[in-house]
PDB file of N, CA and C in Angstrom:
ATOM      1  N   UNK A   1    -149.059 -51.923-183.611  1.00  0.00           N
ATOM      2  CA  UNK A   1    -148.690 -53.217-184.166  1.00  0.00           C
ATOM      3  C   UNK A   1    -147.704 -53.040-185.317  1.00  0.00           C
ATOM      4  N   UNK A   2    -148.011 -52.130-186.235  1.00  0.00           N
ATOM      5  CA  UNK A   2    -147.126 -51.937-187.385  1.00  0.00           C
ATOM      6  C   UNK A   2    -145.743 -51.445-186.959  1.00  0.00           C
ATOM      7  N   UNK A   3    -145.693 -50.611-185.954  1.00  0.00           N
ATOM      8  CA  UNK A   3    -144.399 -50.113-185.478  1.00  0.00           C
ATOM      9  C   UNK A   3    -143.512 -51.268-185.035  1.00  0.00           C
ATOM     10  N   UNK A   4    -144.060 -52.193-184.265  1.00  0.00           N
ATOM     11  CA  UNK A   4    -143.276 -53.338-183.799  1.00  0.00           C
ATOM     12  C   UNK A   4    -142.834 -54.240-184.941  1.00  0.00           C
ATOM     13  N   UNK A   5    -143.642 -54.326-185.971  1.00  0.00           N
ATOM     14  CA  UNK A   5    -143.310 -55.162-187.117  1.00  0.00           C
ATOM     15  C   UNK A   5    -142.265 -54.490-188.006  1.00  0.00           C
ATOM     16  N   UNK A   6    -142.404 -53.183-188.217  1.00  0.00           N
ATOM     17  CA  UNK A   6    -141.563 -52.484-189.187  1.00  0.00           C
ATOM     18  C   UNK A   6    -140.269 -51.904-188.609  1.00  0.00           C
ATOM     19  N   UNK A   7    -140.218 -51.595-187.336  1.00  0.00           N
ATOM     20  CA  UNK A   7    -139.019 -50.984-186.760  1.00  0.00           C
ATOM     21  C   UNK A   7    -137.740 -51.775-187.015  1.00  0.00           C
ATOM     22  N   UNK A   8    -137.761 -53.100-186.877  1.00  0.00           N
ATOM     23  CA  UNK A   8    -136.525 -53.837-187.163  1.00  0.00           C
ATOM     24  C   UNK A   8    -136.024 -53.658-188.594  1.00  0.00           C
ATOM     25  N   UNK A   9    -136.891 -53.365-189.530  1.00  0.00           N
ATOM     26  CA  UNK A   9    -136.445 -53.106-190.904  1.00  0.00           C
ATOM     27  C   UNK A   9    -135.630 -51.818-190.957  1.00  0.00           C
ATOM     28  N   UNK A  10    -136.059 -50.813-190.220  1.00  0.00           N
ATOM     29  CA  UNK A  10    -135.361 -49.524-190.216  1.00  0.00           C
ATOM     30  C   UNK A  10    -133.985 -49.645-189.568  1.00  0.00           C
ATOM     31  N   UNK A  11    -133.884 -50.406-188.489  1.00  0.00           N
ATOM     32  CA  UNK A  11    -132.610 -50.501-187.771  1.00  0.00           C
ATOM     33  C   UNK A  11    -131.546 -51.232-188.583  1.00  0.00           C
ATOM     34  N   UNK A  12    -131.937 -51.956-189.620  1.00  0.00           N
ATOM     35  CA  UNK A  12    -130.973 -52.661-190.467  1.00  0.00           C
ATOM     36  C   UNK A  12    -130.405 -51.762-191.562  1.00  0.00           C
ATOM     37  N   UNK A  13    -130.968 -50.594-191.729  1.00  0.00           N
ATOM     38  CA  UNK A  13    -130.549 -49.684-192.790  1.00  0.00           C
ATOM     39  C   UNK A  13    -129.218 -49.021-192.443  1.00  0.00           C
ATOM     40  N   UNK A  14    -128.397 -48.769-193.465  1.00  0.00           N
ATOM     41  CA  UNK A  14    -127.104 -48.098-193.250  1.00  0.00           C
ATOM     42  C   UNK A  14    -127.293 -46.666-192.758  1.00  0.00           C
ATOM     43  N   UNK A  15    -128.407 -46.040-193.087  1.00  0.00           N
ATOM     44  CA  UNK A  15    -128.628 -44.643-192.715  1.00  0.00           C
ATOM     45  C   UNK A  15    -129.366 -44.476-191.390  1.00  0.00           C
ATOM     46  N   UNK A  16    -129.637 -45.573-190.706  1.00  0.00           N
ATOM     47  CA  UNK A  16    -130.404 -45.517-189.458  1.00  0.00           C
ATOM     48  C   UNK A  16    -129.578 -44.876-188.347  1.00  0.00           C
ATOM     49  N   UNK A  17    -130.187 -43.925-187.655  1.00  0.00           N
ATOM     50  CA  UNK A  17    -129.585 -43.312-186.475  1.00  0.00           C
ATOM     51  C   UNK A  17    -130.612 -43.432-185.367  1.00  0.00           C
ATOM     52  N   UNK A  18    -130.222 -44.083-184.275  1.00  0.00           N
ATOM     53  CA  UNK A  18    -131.179 -44.378-183.213  1.00  0.00           C
ATOM     54  C   UNK A  18    -131.662 -43.137-182.472  1.00  0.00           C
ATOM     55  N   UNK A  19    -130.737 -42.220-182.193  1.00  0.00           N
ATOM     56  CA  UNK A  19    -131.114 -41.031-181.431  1.00  0.00           C
ATOM     57  C   UNK A  19    -130.046 -39.950-181.617  1.00  0.00           C
ATOM     58  N   UNK A  20    -130.253 -38.818-180.991  1.00  0.00           N
ATOM     59  CA  UNK A  20    -129.320 -37.698-181.166  1.00  0.00           C
ATOM     60  C   UNK A  20    -127.947 -37.994-180.566  1.00  0.00           C
ATOM     61  N   UNK A  21    -127.871 -38.834-179.535  1.00  0.00           N
ATOM     62  CA  UNK A  21    -126.581 -39.179-178.944  1.00  0.00           C
ATOM     63  C   UNK A  21    -125.747 -40.001-179.934  1.00  0.00           C
ATOM     64  N   UNK A  22    -126.393 -40.924-180.625  1.00  0.00           N
ATOM     65  CA  UNK A  22    -125.696 -41.719-181.636  1.00  0.00           C
ATOM     66  C   UNK A  22    -125.272 -40.837-182.811  1.00  0.00           C
ATOM     67  N   UNK A  23    -126.130 -39.902-183.198  1.00  0.00           N
ATOM     68  CA  UNK A  23    -125.790 -38.979-184.275  1.00  0.00           C
ATOM     69  C   UNK A  23    -124.554 -38.167-183.898  1.00  0.00           C
ATOM     70  N   UNK A  24    -124.527 -37.667-182.683  1.00  0.00           N
ATOM     71  CA  UNK A  24    -123.383 -36.874-182.219  1.00  0.00           C
ATOM     72  C   UNK A  24    -122.109 -37.709-182.266  1.00  0.00           C
ATOM     73  N   UNK A  25    -122.188 -38.954-181.824  1.00  0.00           N
ATOM     74  CA  UNK A  25    -121.032 -39.858-181.849  1.00  0.00           C
ATOM     75  C   UNK A  25    -120.551 -40.086-183.291  1.00  0.00           C
ATOM     76  N   UNK A  26    -121.489 -40.288-184.192  1.00  0.00           N
ATOM     77  CA  UNK A  26    -121.148 -40.508-185.596  1.00  0.00           C
ATOM     78  C   UNK A  26    -120.497 -39.262-186.199  1.00  0.00           C
ATOM     79  N   UNK A  27    -121.073 -38.100-185.915  1.00  0.00           N
ATOM     80  CA  UNK A  27    -120.536 -36.860-186.463  1.00  0.00           C
ATOM     81  C   UNK A  27    -119.138 -36.558-185.924  1.00  0.00           C
ATOM     82  N   UNK A  28    -118.858 -36.941-184.683  1.00  0.00           N
ATOM     83  CA  UNK A  28    -117.529 -36.721-184.101  1.00  0.00           C
ATOM     84  C   UNK A  28    -116.453 -37.507-184.843  1.00  0.00           C
ATOM     85  N   UNK A  29    -116.827 -38.619-185.432  1.00  0.00           N
ATOM     86  CA  UNK A  29    -115.841 -39.466-186.111  1.00  0.00           C
ATOM     87  C   UNK A  29    -115.563 -39.018-187.546  1.00  0.00           C
ATOM     88  N   UNK A  30    -116.277 -38.005-188.012  1.00  0.00           N
ATOM     89  CA  UNK A  30    -116.095 -37.518-189.377  1.00  0.00           C
ATOM     90  C   UNK A  30    -115.032 -36.429-189.391  1.00  0.00           C
ATOM     91  N   UNK A  31    -114.094 -36.560-190.314  1.00  0.00           N
ATOM     92  CA  UNK A  31    -113.065 -35.548-190.486  1.00  0.00           C
ATOM     93  C   UNK A  31    -113.514 -34.570-191.564  1.00  0.00           C
ATOM     94  N   UNK A  32    -113.501 -33.289-191.219  1.00  0.00           N
ATOM     95  CA  UNK A  32    -113.879 -32.244-192.165  1.00  0.00           C
ATOM     96  C   UNK A  32    -112.593 -31.596-192.658  1.00  0.00           C
ATOM     97  N   UNK A  33    -112.386 -31.637-193.956  1.00  0.00           N
ATOM     98  CA  UNK A  33    -111.195 -31.059-194.570  1.00  0.00           C
ATOM     99  C   UNK A  33    -111.464 -29.610-194.956  1.00  0.00           C
ATOM    100  N   UNK A  34    -110.406 -28.807-195.071  1.00  0.00           N
ATOM    101  CA  UNK A  34    -110.598 -27.387-195.395  1.00  0.00           C
ATOM    102  C   UNK A  34    -111.369 -27.134-196.690  1.00  0.00           C
ATOM    103  N   UNK A  35    -111.262 -28.027-197.663  1.00  0.00           N
ATOM    104  CA  UNK A  35    -111.964 -27.800-198.924  1.00  0.00           C
ATOM    105  C   UNK A  35    -113.357 -28.439-198.953  1.00  0.00           C
ATOM    106  N   UNK A  36    -113.783 -29.043-197.846  1.00  0.00           N
ATOM    107  CA  UNK A  36    -115.130 -29.613-197.762  1.00  0.00           C
ATOM    108  C   UNK A  36    -116.157 -28.494-197.605  1.00  0.00           C
ATOM    109  N   UNK A  37    -117.345 -28.762-198.072  1.00  0.00           N
ATOM    110  CA  UNK A  37    -118.448 -27.818-197.924  1.00  0.00           C
ATOM    111  C   UNK A  37    -119.481 -28.449-196.995  1.00  0.00           C
ATOM    112  N   UNK A  38    -119.858 -27.715-195.961  1.00  0.00           N
ATOM    113  CA  UNK A  38    -120.873 -28.211-195.037  1.00  0.00           C
ATOM    114  C   UNK A  38    -122.204 -27.541-195.360  1.00  0.00           C
ATOM    115  N   UNK A  39    -123.257 -28.306-195.278  1.00  0.00           N
ATOM    116  CA  UNK A  39    -124.583 -27.763-195.553  1.00  0.00           C
ATOM    117  C   UNK A  39    -125.597 -28.449-194.645  1.00  0.00           C
ATOM    118  N   UNK A  40    -126.671 -27.761-194.385  1.00  0.00           N
ATOM    119  CA  UNK A  40    -127.780 -28.380-193.674  1.00  0.00           C
ATOM    120  C   UNK A  40    -129.060 -28.003-194.421  1.00  0.00           C
ATOM    121  N   UNK A  41    -130.036 -28.870-194.312  1.00  0.00           N
ATOM    122  CA  UNK A  41    -131.282 -28.644-195.020  1.00  0.00           C
ATOM    123  C   UNK A  41    -132.438 -28.723-194.047  1.00  0.00           C
ATOM    124  N   UNK A  42    -133.379 -27.814-194.191  1.00  0.00           N
ATOM    125  CA  UNK A  42    -134.613 -27.898-193.432  1.00  0.00           C
ATOM    126  C   UNK A  42    -135.611 -28.667-194.280  1.00  0.00           C
ATOM    127  N   UNK A  43    -136.242 -29.627-193.670  1.00  0.00           N
ATOM    128  CA  UNK A  43    -137.230 -30.424-194.394  1.00  0.00           C
ATOM    129  C   UNK A  43    -138.596 -29.813-194.130  1.00  0.00           C
ATOM    130  N   UNK A  44    -139.285 -29.490-195.211  1.00  0.00           N
ATOM    131  CA  UNK A  44    -140.624 -28.932-195.076  1.00  0.00           C
ATOM    132  C   UNK A  44    -141.611 -30.001-195.527  1.00  0.00           C
ATOM    133  N   UNK A  45    -142.535 -30.356-194.673  1.00  0.00           N
ATOM    134  CA  UNK A  45    -143.557 -31.344-194.990  1.00  0.00           C
ATOM    135  C   UNK A  45    -142.938 -32.686-195.372  1.00  0.00           C
ATOM    136  N   UNK A  46    -142.142 -33.252-194.457  1.00  0.00           N
ATOM    137  CA  UNK A  46    -141.440 -34.510-194.730  1.00  0.00           C
ATOM    138  C   UNK A  46    -142.383 -35.628-195.141  1.00  0.00           C
ATOM    139  N   UNK A  47    -143.361 -35.945-194.333  1.00  0.00           N
ATOM    140  CA  UNK A  47    -144.210 -37.094-194.631  1.00  0.00           C
ATOM    141  C   UNK A  47    -145.090 -36.907-195.870  1.00  0.00           C
ATOM    142  N   UNK A  48    -145.669 -35.734-196.090  1.00  0.00           N
ATOM    143  CA  UNK A  48    -146.440 -35.584-197.335  1.00  0.00           C
ATOM    144  C   UNK A  48    -145.560 -35.657-198.583  1.00  0.00           C
ATOM    145  N   UNK A  49    -144.246 -35.496-198.419  1.00  0.00           N
ATOM    146  CA  UNK A  49    -143.332 -35.526-199.562  1.00  0.00           C
ATOM    147  C   UNK A  49    -142.857 -36.935-199.914  1.00  0.00           C
ATOM    148  N   UNK A  50    -143.123 -37.900-199.067  1.00  0.00           N
ATOM    149  CA  UNK A  50    -142.675 -39.265-199.325  1.00  0.00           C
ATOM    150  C   UNK A  50    -143.496 -39.855-200.464  1.00  0.00           C
ATOM    151  N   UNK A  51    -142.820 -40.399-201.488  1.00  0.00           N
ATOM    152  CA  UNK A  51    -143.575 -41.058-202.563  1.00  0.00           C
ATOM    153  C   UNK A  51    -144.133 -42.392-202.046  1.00  0.00           C
ATOM    154  N   UNK A  52    -145.413 -42.404-201.749  1.00  0.00           N
ATOM    155  CA  UNK A  52    -146.037 -43.547-201.063  1.00  0.00           C
ATOM    156  C   UNK A  52    -145.873 -44.846-201.845  1.00  0.00           C
ATOM    157  N   UNK A  53    -146.119 -44.802-203.136  1.00  0.00           N
ATOM    158  CA  UNK A  53    -146.025 -46.024-203.938  1.00  0.00           C
ATOM    159  C   UNK A  53    -144.629 -46.642-203.843  1.00  0.00           C
ATOM    160  N   UNK A  54    -143.605 -45.809-203.971  1.00  0.00           N
ATOM    161  CA  UNK A  54    -142.216 -46.287-203.891  1.00  0.00           C
ATOM    162  C   UNK A  54    -141.899 -46.795-202.489  1.00  0.00           C
ATOM    163  N   UNK A  55    -142.362 -46.079-201.464  1.00  0.00           N
ATOM    164  CA  UNK A  55    -142.128 -46.507-200.082  1.00  0.00           C
ATOM    165  C   UNK A  55    -142.751 -47.875-199.823  1.00  0.00           C
ATOM    166  N   UNK A  56    -143.941 -48.097-200.346  1.00  0.00           N
ATOM    167  CA  UNK A  56    -144.610 -49.386-200.172  1.00  0.00           C
ATOM    168  C   UNK A  56    -143.879 -50.497-200.921  1.00  0.00           C
ATOM    169  N   UNK A  57    -143.367 -50.208-202.118  1.00  0.00           N
ATOM    170  CA  UNK A  57    -142.604 -51.200-202.884  1.00  0.00           C
ATOM    171  C   UNK A  57    -141.358 -51.635-202.124  1.00  0.00           C
ATOM    172  N   UNK A  58    -140.621 -50.664-201.622  1.00  0.00           N
ATOM    173  CA  UNK A  58    -139.385 -50.950-200.896  1.00  0.00           C
ATOM    174  C   UNK A  58    -139.688 -51.722-199.620  1.00  0.00           C
ATOM    175  N   UNK A  59    -140.715 -51.306-198.904  1.00  0.00           N
ATOM    176  CA  UNK A  59    -141.088 -51.990-197.671  1.00  0.00           C
ATOM    177  C   UNK A  59    -141.512 -53.425-197.955  1.00  0.00           C
ATOM    178  N   UNK A  60    -142.267 -53.631-199.013  1.00  0.00           N
ATOM    179  CA  UNK A  60    -142.693 -54.989-199.392  1.00  0.00           C
ATOM    180  C   UNK A  60    -141.461 -55.874-199.653  1.00  0.00           C
ATOM    181  N   UNK A  61    -140.508 -55.352-200.413  1.00  0.00           N
ATOM    182  CA  UNK A  61    -139.277 -56.101-200.693  1.00  0.00           C
ATOM    183  C   UNK A  61    -138.545 -56.455-199.405  1.00  0.00           C
ATOM    184  N   UNK A  62    -138.435 -55.483-198.521  1.00  0.00           N
ATOM    185  CA  UNK A  62    -137.724 -55.715-197.252  1.00  0.00           C
ATOM    186  C   UNK A  62    -138.454 -56.735-196.391  1.00  0.00           C
ATOM    187  N   UNK A  63    -139.793 -56.681-196.381  1.00  0.00           N
ATOM    188  CA  UNK A  63    -140.566 -57.653-195.605  1.00  0.00           C
ATOM    189  C   UNK A  63    -140.380 -59.067-196.145  1.00  0.00           C
ATOM    190  N   UNK A  64    -140.409 -59.226-197.458  1.00  0.00           N
ATOM    191  CA  UNK A  64    -140.242 -60.553-198.049  1.00  0.00           C
ATOM    192  C   UNK A  64    -138.846 -61.120-197.814  1.00  0.00           C
ATOM    193  N   UNK A  65    -137.844 -60.264-197.686  1.00  0.00           N
ATOM    194  CA  UNK A  65    -136.485 -60.763-197.450  1.00  0.00           C
ATOM    195  C   UNK A  65    -136.118 -60.822-195.967  1.00  0.00           C
ATOM    196  N   UNK A  66    -137.022 -60.400-195.087  1.00  0.00           N
ATOM    197  CA  UNK A  66    -136.769 -60.391-193.644  1.00  0.00           C
ATOM    198  C   UNK A  66    -136.974 -61.787-193.058  1.00  0.00           C
ATOM    199  N   UNK A  67    -135.884 -62.428-192.685  1.00  0.00           N
ATOM    200  CA  UNK A  67    -135.948 -63.790-192.153  1.00  0.00           C
ATOM    201  C   UNK A  67    -136.549 -63.865-190.751  1.00  0.00           C
ATOM    202  N   UNK A  68    -136.578 -62.744-190.042  1.00  0.00           N
ATOM    203  CA  UNK A  68    -137.106 -62.757-188.669  1.00  0.00           C
ATOM    204  C   UNK A  68    -138.561 -62.289-188.583  1.00  0.00           C
ATOM    205  N   UNK A  69    -139.182 -61.997-189.715  1.00  0.00           N
ATOM    206  CA  UNK A  69    -140.553 -61.465-189.705  1.00  0.00           C
ATOM    207  C   UNK A  69    -141.510 -62.386-188.957  1.00  0.00           C
ATOM    208  N   UNK A  70    -141.418 -63.673-189.179  1.00  0.00           N
ATOM    209  CA  UNK A  70    -142.346 -64.628-188.555  1.00  0.00           C
ATOM    210  C   UNK A  70    -142.191 -64.700-187.044  1.00  0.00           C
ATOM    211  N   UNK A  71    -141.094 -64.205-186.502  1.00  0.00           N
ATOM    212  CA  UNK A  71    -140.942 -64.164-185.045  1.00  0.00           C
ATOM    213  C   UNK A  71    -141.679 -62.976-184.443  1.00  0.00           C
ATOM    214  N   UNK A  72    -141.986 -61.960-185.277  1.00  0.00           N
ATOM    215  CA  UNK A  72    -142.668 -60.758-184.802  1.00  0.00           C
ATOM    216  C   UNK A  72    -144.164 -60.771-185.060  1.00  0.00           C
ATOM    217  N   UNK A  73    -144.584 -61.517-186.085  1.00  0.00           N
ATOM    218  CA  UNK A  73    -146.010 -61.509-186.437  1.00  0.00           C
ATOM    219  C   UNK A  73    -146.362 -62.717-187.286  1.00  0.00           C
ATOM    220  N   UNK A  74    -147.627 -63.055-187.269  1.00  0.00           N
ATOM    221  CA  UNK A  74    -148.137 -64.106-188.147  1.00  0.00           C
ATOM    222  C   UNK A  74    -148.697 -63.504-189.435  1.00  0.00           C
ATOM    223  N   UNK A  75    -148.742 -62.175-189.505  1.00  0.00           N
ATOM    224  CA  UNK A  75    -149.265 -61.496-190.682  1.00  0.00           C
ATOM    225  C   UNK A  75    -148.339 -61.719-191.876  1.00  0.00           C
ATOM    226  N   UNK A  76    -148.922 -61.790-193.044  1.00  0.00           N
ATOM    227  CA  UNK A  76    -148.161 -61.936-194.289  1.00  0.00           C
ATOM    228  C   UNK A  76    -147.734 -60.548-194.777  1.00  0.00           C
ATOM    229  N   UNK A  77    -146.620 -60.472-195.497  1.00  0.00           N
ATOM    230  CA  UNK A  77    -146.140 -59.167-195.973  1.00  0.00           C
ATOM    231  C   UNK A  77    -147.194 -58.352-196.723  1.00  0.00           C
ATOM    232  N   UNK A  78    -147.992 -58.994-197.568  1.00  0.00           N
ATOM    233  CA  UNK A  78    -149.010 -58.235-198.312  1.00  0.00           C
ATOM    234  C   UNK A  78    -150.074 -57.641-197.393  1.00  0.00           C
ATOM    235  N   UNK A  79    -150.400 -58.343-196.298  1.00  0.00           N
ATOM    236  CA  UNK A  79    -151.361 -57.806-195.329  1.00  0.00           C
ATOM    237  C   UNK A  79    -150.771 -56.600-194.596  1.00  0.00           C
ATOM    238  N   UNK A  80    -149.502 -56.699-194.266  1.00  0.00           N
ATOM    239  CA  UNK A  80    -148.815 -55.590-193.591  1.00  0.00           C
ATOM    240  C   UNK A  80    -148.787 -54.370-194.506  1.00  0.00           C
ATOM    241  N   UNK A  81    -148.497 -54.600-195.784  1.00  0.00           N
ATOM    242  CA  UNK A  81    -148.447 -53.505-196.749  1.00  0.00           C
ATOM    243  C   UNK A  81    -149.819 -52.851-196.907  1.00  0.00           C
ATOM    244  N   UNK A  82    -150.880 -53.649-196.912  1.00  0.00           N
ATOM    245  CA  UNK A  82    -152.235 -53.092-197.004  1.00  0.00           C
ATOM    246  C   UNK A  82    -152.517 -52.163-195.826  1.00  0.00           C
ATOM    247  N   UNK A  83    -152.164 -52.588-194.623  1.00  0.00           N
ATOM    248  CA  UNK A  83    -152.378 -51.745-193.442  1.00  0.00           C
ATOM    249  C   UNK A  83    -151.502 -50.500-193.483  1.00  0.00           C
ATOM    250  N   UNK A  84    -150.263 -50.668-193.916  1.00  0.00           N
ATOM    251  CA  UNK A  84    -149.363 -49.524-194.014  1.00  0.00           C
ATOM    252  C   UNK A  84    -149.880 -48.510-195.035  1.00  0.00           C
ATOM    253  N   UNK A  85    -150.394 -49.010-196.139  1.00  0.00           N
ATOM    254  CA  UNK A  85    -150.954 -48.124-197.163  1.00  0.00           C
ATOM    255  C   UNK A  85    -152.120 -47.306-196.606  1.00  0.00           C
ATOM    256  N   UNK A  86    -152.973 -47.938-195.834  1.00  0.00           N
ATOM    257  CA  UNK A  86    -154.089 -47.230-195.198  1.00  0.00           C
ATOM    258  C   UNK A  86    -153.553 -46.125-194.283  1.00  0.00           C
ATOM    259  N   UNK A  87    -152.531 -46.462-193.510  1.00  0.00           N
ATOM    260  CA  UNK A  87    -151.955 -45.471-192.588  1.00  0.00           C
ATOM    261  C   UNK A  87    -151.327 -44.296-193.334  1.00  0.00           C
ATOM    262  N   UNK A  88    -150.619 -44.580-194.421  1.00  0.00           N
ATOM    263  CA  UNK A  88    -149.923 -43.523-195.146  1.00  0.00           C
ATOM    264  C   UNK A  88    -150.856 -42.653-195.973  1.00  0.00           C
ATOM    265  N   UNK A  89    -151.952 -43.206-196.423  1.00  0.00           N
ATOM    266  CA  UNK A  89    -152.840 -42.454-197.304  1.00  0.00           C
ATOM    267  C   UNK A  89    -154.045 -41.855-196.589  1.00  0.00           C
ATOM    268  N   UNK A  90    -154.181 -42.124-195.310  1.00  0.00           N
ATOM    269  CA  UNK A  90    -155.297 -41.583-194.547  1.00  0.00           C
ATOM    270  C   UNK A  90    -154.795 -40.415-193.711  1.00  0.00           C
ATOM    271  N   UNK A  91    -155.371 -39.269-193.920  1.00  0.00           N
ATOM    272  CA  UNK A  91    -154.942 -38.077-193.193  1.00  0.00           C
ATOM    273  C   UNK A  91    -156.100 -37.577-192.336  1.00  0.00           C
ATOM    274  N   UNK A  92    -155.902 -37.611-191.035  1.00  0.00           N
ATOM    275  CA  UNK A  92    -156.917 -37.105-190.118  1.00  0.00           C
ATOM    276  C   UNK A  92    -156.455 -35.752-189.598  1.00  0.00           C
ATOM    277  N   UNK A  93    -157.355 -34.824-189.559  1.00  0.00           N
ATOM    278  CA  UNK A  93    -157.030 -33.501-189.027  1.00  0.00           C
ATOM    279  C   UNK A  93    -158.077 -33.091-188.013  1.00  0.00           C
ATOM    280  N   UNK A  94    -157.638 -32.397-187.011  1.00  0.00           N
ATOM    281  CA  UNK A  94    -158.546 -31.892-185.994  1.00  0.00           C
ATOM    282  C   UNK A  94    -158.503 -30.374-186.043  1.00  0.00           C
ATOM    283  N   UNK A  95    -159.653 -29.765-186.160  1.00  0.00           N
ATOM    284  CA  UNK A  95    -159.750 -28.323-186.138  1.00  0.00           C
ATOM    285  C   UNK A  95    -160.548 -27.884-184.919  1.00  0.00           C
ATOM    286  N   UNK A  96    -160.097 -26.844-184.289  1.00  0.00           N
ATOM    287  CA  UNK A  96    -160.780 -26.316-183.113  1.00  0.00           C
ATOM    288  C   UNK A  96    -160.999 -27.384-182.044  1.00  0.00           C
ATOM    289  N   UNK A  97    -159.950 -28.157-181.768  1.00  0.00           N
ATOM    290  CA  UNK A  97    -160.010 -29.180-180.721  1.00  0.00           C
ATOM    291  C   UNK A  97    -160.527 -30.496-181.215  1.00  0.00           C
TER     292      UNK A  97
END
């Protein structure tokens, strides 16, 4: 449920890349000059590194300004944030199956 509600917020972002084919297309349009420096970074523990409080604040702001939210759900932004907070702060692990 949350994925269907929140995904449209992500697709509106300037940094959103739908898939690797779109990324490749975007990268092809970039001109690299001789004095440019290229770098890549490996992300270690991406999700545990996200500042949850800040992520929830930003998401709340985006939900309140989303004019199409009511077409996707009857839930109020604060209810969505409560559920998202539970998802982000709850860590389930399985050991030995």
